[in-house]
Each structure stands twice: as C-alpha cells, then as structure tokens.
Amino acid sequence: MADDTQWYYQISTGAVTKGKVGDVFDRMGPYPDEATARRALEIAAARNAAADAQDESDD
C-alpha cells in the first residue's frame, strides 16, 4: 500500500491526514482509513492496556 493512501494521526494537533504529513515524531500510523486514524489514541491506549496486562501476568 502506498504511503499516500494511508492515514495518519498528528499528535500535536489532533488532525487526521492522508499521507505522511509533518514530523515523524508527531505522527501515529499508518491506518487503513480515516475513521481508524481518528481512533489512534483510543487504539494506542487499548494496546498499552493489553501489554500492561501481559506484563503483569508474566511476573
């Protein structure tokens, strides 16, 4: 999939963009569509919670 067809979430502004826009350190993604990119923070929080739970079960 080409970069210009993927969606990204801009951390500093909350903007969702099609294609790589802005600094790599201010960008989350890629995501397959705009709706998924808009949920970037929610998706990251869920992944972090799952990883934390796994870490706790490994102890």
PDB file of N, CA and C in Angstrom:
ATOM      1  N   MET A   1       0.857  -1.187   0.000  1.00  0.00           N
ATOM      2  CA  MET A   1       0.000   0.000   0.000  1.00  0.00           C
ATOM      3  C   MET A   1       0.893   1.237   0.000  1.00  0.00           C
ATOM      4  N   ALA A   2       0.645   2.124  -0.866  1.00  0.00           N
ATOM      5  CA  ALA A   2       1.442   3.349  -0.966  1.00  0.00           C
ATOM      6  C   ALA A   2       1.146   4.275   0.206  1.00  0.00           C
ATOM      7  N   ASP A   3       2.165   5.035   0.621  1.00  0.00           N
ATOM      8  CA  ASP A   3       2.008   5.934   1.761  1.00  0.00           C
ATOM      9  C   ASP A   3       0.908   6.963   1.557  1.00  0.00           C
ATOM     10  N   ASP A   4       0.679   7.394   0.324  1.00  0.00           N
ATOM     11  CA  ASP A   4      -0.315   8.444   0.093  1.00  0.00           C
ATOM     12  C   ASP A   4      -1.747   7.928   0.174  1.00  0.00           C
ATOM     13  N   THR A   5      -1.929   6.627   0.343  1.00  0.00           N
ATOM     14  CA  THR A   5      -3.281   6.090   0.508  1.00  0.00           C
ATOM     15  C   THR A   5      -3.553   5.708   1.954  1.00  0.00           C
ATOM     16  N   GLN A   6      -2.571   5.895   2.822  1.00  0.00           N
ATOM     17  CA  GLN A   6      -2.726   5.562   4.228  1.00  0.00           C
ATOM     18  C   GLN A   6      -2.999   6.827   5.033  1.00  0.00           C
ATOM     19  N   TRP A   7      -3.584   6.642   6.199  1.00  0.00           N
ATOM     20  CA  TRP A   7      -3.998   7.752   7.045  1.00  0.00           C
ATOM     21  C   TRP A   7      -3.149   7.812   8.302  1.00  0.00           C
ATOM     22  N   TYR A   8      -2.945   9.029   8.804  1.00  0.00           N
ATOM     23  CA  TYR A   8      -2.106   9.259   9.973  1.00  0.00           C
ATOM     24  C   TYR A   8      -2.798  10.226  10.930  1.00  0.00           C
ATOM     25  N   TYR A   9      -2.470  10.092  12.212  1.00  0.00           N
ATOM     26  CA  TYR A   9      -2.973  10.982  13.249  1.00  0.00           C
ATOM     27  C   TYR A   9      -1.819  11.869  13.701  1.00  0.00           C
ATOM     28  N   GLN A  10      -2.017  13.182  13.690  1.00  0.00           N
ATOM     29  CA  GLN A  10      -0.996  14.144  14.112  1.00  0.00           C
ATOM     30  C   GLN A  10      -1.186  14.429  15.604  1.00  0.00           C
ATOM     31  N   ILE A  11      -0.232  14.016  16.413  1.00  0.00           N
ATOM     32  CA  ILE A  11      -0.354  14.096  17.864  1.00  0.00           C
ATOM     33  C   ILE A  11      -0.527  15.534  18.357  1.00  0.00           C
ATOM     34  N   SER A  12       0.256  16.462  17.853  1.00  0.00           N
ATOM     35  CA  SER A  12       0.237  17.835  18.376  1.00  0.00           C
ATOM     36  C   SER A  12      -1.045  18.586  18.050  1.00  0.00           C
ATOM     37  N   THR A  13      -1.682  18.247  16.943  1.00  0.00           N
ATOM     38  CA  THR A  13      -2.865  18.996  16.523  1.00  0.00           C
ATOM     39  C   THR A  13      -4.158  18.194  16.590  1.00  0.00           C
ATOM     40  N   GLY A  14      -4.049  16.875  16.622  1.00  0.00           N
ATOM     41  CA  GLY A  14      -5.231  16.025  16.580  1.00  0.00           C
ATOM     42  C   GLY A  14      -5.795  15.879  15.179  1.00  0.00           C
ATOM     43  N   ALA A  15      -5.084  16.422  14.204  1.00  0.00           N
ATOM     44  CA  ALA A  15      -5.548  16.337  12.814  1.00  0.00           C
ATOM     45  C   ALA A  15      -5.301  14.942  12.256  1.00  0.00           C
ATOM     46  N   VAL A  16      -6.158  14.549  11.346  1.00  0.00           N
ATOM     47  CA  VAL A  16      -6.004  13.299  10.613  1.00  0.00           C
ATOM     48  C   VAL A  16      -5.674  13.664   9.175  1.00  0.00           C
ATOM     49  N   THR A  17      -4.611  13.059   8.663  1.00  0.00           N
ATOM     50  CA  THR A  17      -4.165  13.396   7.316  1.00  0.00           C
ATOM     51  C   THR A  17      -4.017  12.149   6.463  1.00  0.00           C
ATOM     52  N   LYS A  18      -4.198  12.340   5.177  1.00  0.00           N
ATOM     53  CA  LYS A  18      -3.960  11.261   4.225  1.00  0.00           C
ATOM     54  C   LYS A  18      -2.548  11.445   3.702  1.00  0.00           C
ATOM     55  N   GLY A  19      -1.706  10.441   3.912  1.00  0.00           N
ATOM     56  CA  GLY A  19      -0.306  10.553   3.534  1.00  0.00           C
ATOM     57  C   GLY A  19       0.521  11.091   4.685  1.00  0.00           C
ATOM     58  N   LYS A  20       1.824  10.925   4.564  1.00  0.00           N
ATOM     59  CA  LYS A  20       2.745  11.367   5.610  1.00  0.00           C
ATOM     60  C   LYS A  20       2.895  12.879   5.558  1.00  0.00           C
ATOM     61  N   VAL A  21       2.376  13.535   6.583  1.00  0.00           N
ATOM     62  CA  VAL A  21       2.459  14.988   6.699  1.00  0.00           C
ATOM     63  C   VAL A  21       3.099  15.293   8.048  1.00  0.00           C
ATOM     64  N   GLY A  22       4.023  16.211   8.060  1.00  0.00           N
ATOM     65  CA  GLY A  22       4.634  16.618   9.316  1.00  0.00           C
ATOM     66  C   GLY A  22       5.746  15.684   9.764  1.00  0.00           C
ATOM     67  N   ASP A  23       6.208  15.939  10.970  1.00  0.00           N
ATOM     68  CA  ASP A  23       7.345  15.243  11.555  1.00  0.00           C
ATOM     69  C   ASP A  23       6.990  13.815  11.959  1.00  0.00           C
ATOM     70  N   VAL A  24       7.904  12.905  11.744  1.00  0.00           N
ATOM     71  CA  VAL A  24       7.693  11.501  12.090  1.00  0.00           C
ATOM     72  C   VAL A  24       7.421  11.326  13.589  1.00  0.00           C
ATOM     73  N   PHE A  25       7.980  12.178  14.428  1.00  0.00           N
ATOM     74  CA  PHE A  25       7.788  12.069  15.868  1.00  0.00           C
ATOM     75  C   PHE A  25       6.444  12.633  16.325  1.00  0.00           C
ATOM     76  N   ASP A  26       5.686  13.226  15.430  1.00  0.00           N
ATOM     77  CA  ASP A  26       4.377  13.808  15.731  1.00  0.00           C
ATOM     78  C   ASP A  26       3.269  13.069  14.978  1.00  0.00           C
ATOM     79  N   ARG A  27       3.565  11.851  14.549  1.00  0.00           N
ATOM     80  CA  ARG A  27       2.635  11.142  13.673  1.00  0.00           C
ATOM     81  C   ARG A  27       2.417   9.728  14.195  1.00  0.00           C
ATOM     82  N   MET A  28       1.160   9.305  14.232  1.00  0.00           N
ATOM     83  CA  MET A  28       0.818   7.920  14.558  1.00  0.00           C
ATOM     84  C   MET A  28       0.209   7.290  13.315  1.00  0.00           C
ATOM     85  N   GLY A  29       0.551   6.066  13.068  1.00  0.00           N
ATOM     86  CA  GLY A  29       0.008   5.376  11.910  1.00  0.00           C
ATOM     87  C   GLY A  29       1.080   4.583  11.216  1.00  0.00           C
ATOM     88  N   PRO A  30       0.772   4.031  10.120  1.00  0.00           N
ATOM     89  CA  PRO A  30      -0.382   4.308   9.261  1.00  0.00           C
ATOM     90  C   PRO A  30      -1.620   3.524   9.679  1.00  0.00           C
ATOM     91  N   TYR A  31      -2.750   4.032   9.255  1.00  0.00           N
ATOM     92  CA  TYR A  31      -4.048   3.397   9.449  1.00  0.00           C
ATOM     93  C   TYR A  31      -4.694   3.216   8.083  1.00  0.00           C
ATOM     94  N   PRO A  32      -5.559   2.220   7.947  1.00  0.00           N
ATOM     95  CA  PRO A  32      -6.131   1.922   6.631  1.00  0.00           C
ATOM     96  C   PRO A  32      -7.162   2.927   6.135  1.00  0.00           C
ATOM     97  N   ASP A  33      -7.768   3.669   7.083  1.00  0.00           N
ATOM     98  CA  ASP A  33      -8.805   4.618   6.675  1.00  0.00           C
ATOM     99  C   ASP A  33      -8.892   5.765   7.682  1.00  0.00           C
ATOM    100  N   GLU A  34      -9.630   6.791   7.312  1.00  0.00           N
ATOM    101  CA  GLU A  34      -9.740   7.997   8.141  1.00  0.00           C
ATOM    102  C   GLU A  34     -10.375   7.703   9.492  1.00  0.00           C
ATOM    103  N   ALA A  35     -11.427   6.898   9.504  1.00  0.00           N
ATOM    104  CA  ALA A  35     -12.126   6.602  10.754  1.00  0.00           C
ATOM    105  C   ALA A  35     -11.204   5.914  11.760  1.00  0.00           C
ATOM    106  N   THR A  36     -10.396   5.005  11.292  1.00  0.00           N
ATOM    107  CA  THR A  36      -9.458   4.312  12.177  1.00  0.00           C
ATOM    108  C   THR A  36      -8.387   5.274  12.673  1.00  0.00           C
ATOM    109  N   ALA A  37      -7.890   6.140  11.815  1.00  0.00           N
ATOM    110  CA  ALA A  37      -6.885   7.126  12.223  1.00  0.00           C
ATOM    111  C   ALA A  37      -7.447   8.052  13.300  1.00  0.00           C
ATOM    112  N   ARG A  38      -8.714   8.402  13.212  1.00  0.00           N
ATOM    113  CA  ARG A  38      -9.336   9.265  14.223  1.00  0.00           C
ATOM    114  C   ARG A  38      -9.371   8.590  15.591  1.00  0.00           C
ATOM    115  N   ARG A  39      -9.296   7.264  15.608  1.00  0.00           N
ATOM    116  CA  ARG A  39      -9.304   6.500  16.857  1.00  0.00           C
ATOM    117  C   ARG A  39      -7.891   6.153  17.331  1.00  0.00           C
ATOM    118  N   ALA A  40      -6.874   6.808  16.800  1.00  0.00           N
ATOM    119  CA  ALA A  40      -5.477   6.455  17.084  1.00  0.00           C
ATOM    120  C   ALA A  40      -5.170   6.426  18.580  1.00  0.00           C
ATOM    121  N   LEU A  41      -5.586   7.425  19.313  1.00  0.00           N
ATOM    122  CA  LEU A  41      -5.286   7.465  20.747  1.00  0.00           C
ATOM    123  C   LEU A  41      -6.015   6.353  21.487  1.00  0.00           C
ATOM    124  N   GLU A  42      -7.251   6.091  21.100  1.00  0.00           N
ATOM    125  CA  GLU A  42      -8.031   5.004  21.699  1.00  0.00           C
ATOM    126  C   GLU A  42      -7.363   3.648  21.418  1.00  0.00           C
ATOM    127  N   ILE A  43      -6.928   3.455  20.192  1.00  0.00           N
ATOM    128  CA  ILE A  43      -6.258   2.212  19.800  1.00  0.00           C
ATOM    129  C   ILE A  43      -4.958   2.046  20.579  1.00  0.00           C
ATOM    130  N   ALA A  44      -4.182   3.111  20.688  1.00  0.00           N
ATOM    131  CA  ALA A  44      -2.917   3.048  21.429  1.00  0.00           C
ATOM    132  C   ALA A  44      -3.164   2.741  22.903  1.00  0.00           C
ATOM    133  N   ALA A  45      -4.178   3.351  23.492  1.00  0.00           N
ATOM    134  CA  ALA A  45      -4.488   3.099  24.900  1.00  0.00           C
ATOM    135  C   ALA A  45      -4.880   1.641  25.115  1.00  0.00           C
ATOM    136  N   ALA A  46      -5.662   1.082  24.207  1.00  0.00           N
ATOM    137  CA  ALA A  46      -6.065  -0.321  24.317  1.00  0.00           C
ATOM    138  C   ALA A  46      -4.858  -1.248  24.179  1.00  0.00           C
ATOM    139  N   ARG A  47      -3.974  -0.938  23.252  1.00  0.00           N
ATOM    140  CA  ARG A  47      -2.763  -1.760  23.080  1.00  0.00           C
ATOM    141  C   ARG A  47      -1.872  -1.676  24.312  1.00  0.00           C
ATOM    142  N   ASN A  48      -1.748  -0.481  24.874  1.00  0.00           N
ATOM    143  CA  ASN A  48      -0.939  -0.318  26.085  1.00  0.00           C
ATOM    144  C   ASN A  48      -1.533  -1.093  27.251  1.00  0.00           C
ATOM    145  N   ALA A  49      -2.848  -1.046  27.404  1.00  0.00           N
ATOM    146  CA  ALA A  49      -3.512  -1.779  28.479  1.00  0.00           C
ATOM    147  C   ALA A  49      -3.297  -3.283  28.314  1.00  0.00           C
ATOM    148  N   ALA A  50      -3.395  -3.776  27.093  1.00  0.00           N
ATOM    149  CA  ALA A  50      -3.173  -5.203  26.834  1.00  0.00           C
ATOM    150  C   ALA A  50      -1.727  -5.586  27.140  1.00  0.00           C
ATOM    151  N   ALA A  51      -0.780  -4.737  26.757  1.00  0.00           N
ATOM    152  CA  ALA A  51       0.632  -5.018  27.034  1.00  0.00           C
ATOM    153  C   ALA A  51       0.908  -4.980  28.533  1.00  0.00           C
ATOM    154  N   ASP A  52       0.304  -4.026  29.243  1.00  0.00           N
ATOM    155  CA  ASP A  52       0.473  -3.947  30.693  1.00  0.00           C
ATOM    156  C   ASP A  52      -0.087  -5.194  31.369  1.00  0.00           C
ATOM    157  N   ALA A  53      -1.244  -5.653  30.922  1.00  0.00           N
ATOM    158  CA  ALA A  53      -1.846  -6.861  31.485  1.00  0.00           C
ATOM    159  C   ALA A  53      -0.952  -8.071  31.230  1.00  0.00           C
ATOM    160  N   GLN A  54      -0.383  -8.151  30.044  1.00  0.00           N
ATOM    161  CA  GLN A  54       0.531  -9.252  29.724  1.00  0.00           C
ATOM    162  C   GLN A  54       1.769  -9.189  30.610  1.00  0.00           C
ATOM    163  N   ASP A  55       2.309  -7.987  30.806  1.00  0.00           N
ATOM    164  CA  ASP A  55       3.480  -7.824  31.671  1.00  0.00           C
ATOM    165  C   ASP A  55       3.176  -8.289  33.094  1.00  0.00           C
ATOM    166  N   GLU A  56       1.993  -7.943  33.598  1.00  0.00           N
ATOM    167  CA  GLU A  56       1.609  -8.341  34.949  1.00  0.00           C
ATOM    168  C   GLU A  56       1.471  -9.849  35.057  1.00  0.00           C
ATOM    169  N   SER A  57       0.935 -10.491  34.028  1.00  0.00           N
ATOM    170  CA  SER A  57       0.761 -11.945  34.077  1.00  0.00           C
ATOM    171  C   SER A  57       2.091 -12.676  33.916  1.00  0.00           C
ATOM    172  N   ASP A  58       3.088 -12.011  33.349  1.00  0.00           N
ATOM    173  CA  ASP A  58       4.411 -12.615  33.188  1.00  0.00           C
ATOM    174  C   ASP A  58       5.220 -12.599  34.482  1.00  0.00           C
ATOM    175  N   ASP A  59       4.822 -11.750  35.430  1.00  0.00           N
ATOM    176  CA  ASP A  59       5.582 -11.624  36.688  1.00  0.00           C
ATOM    177  C   ASP A  59       5.373 -12.786  37.613  1.00  0.00           C
TER     178      ASP A  59
END
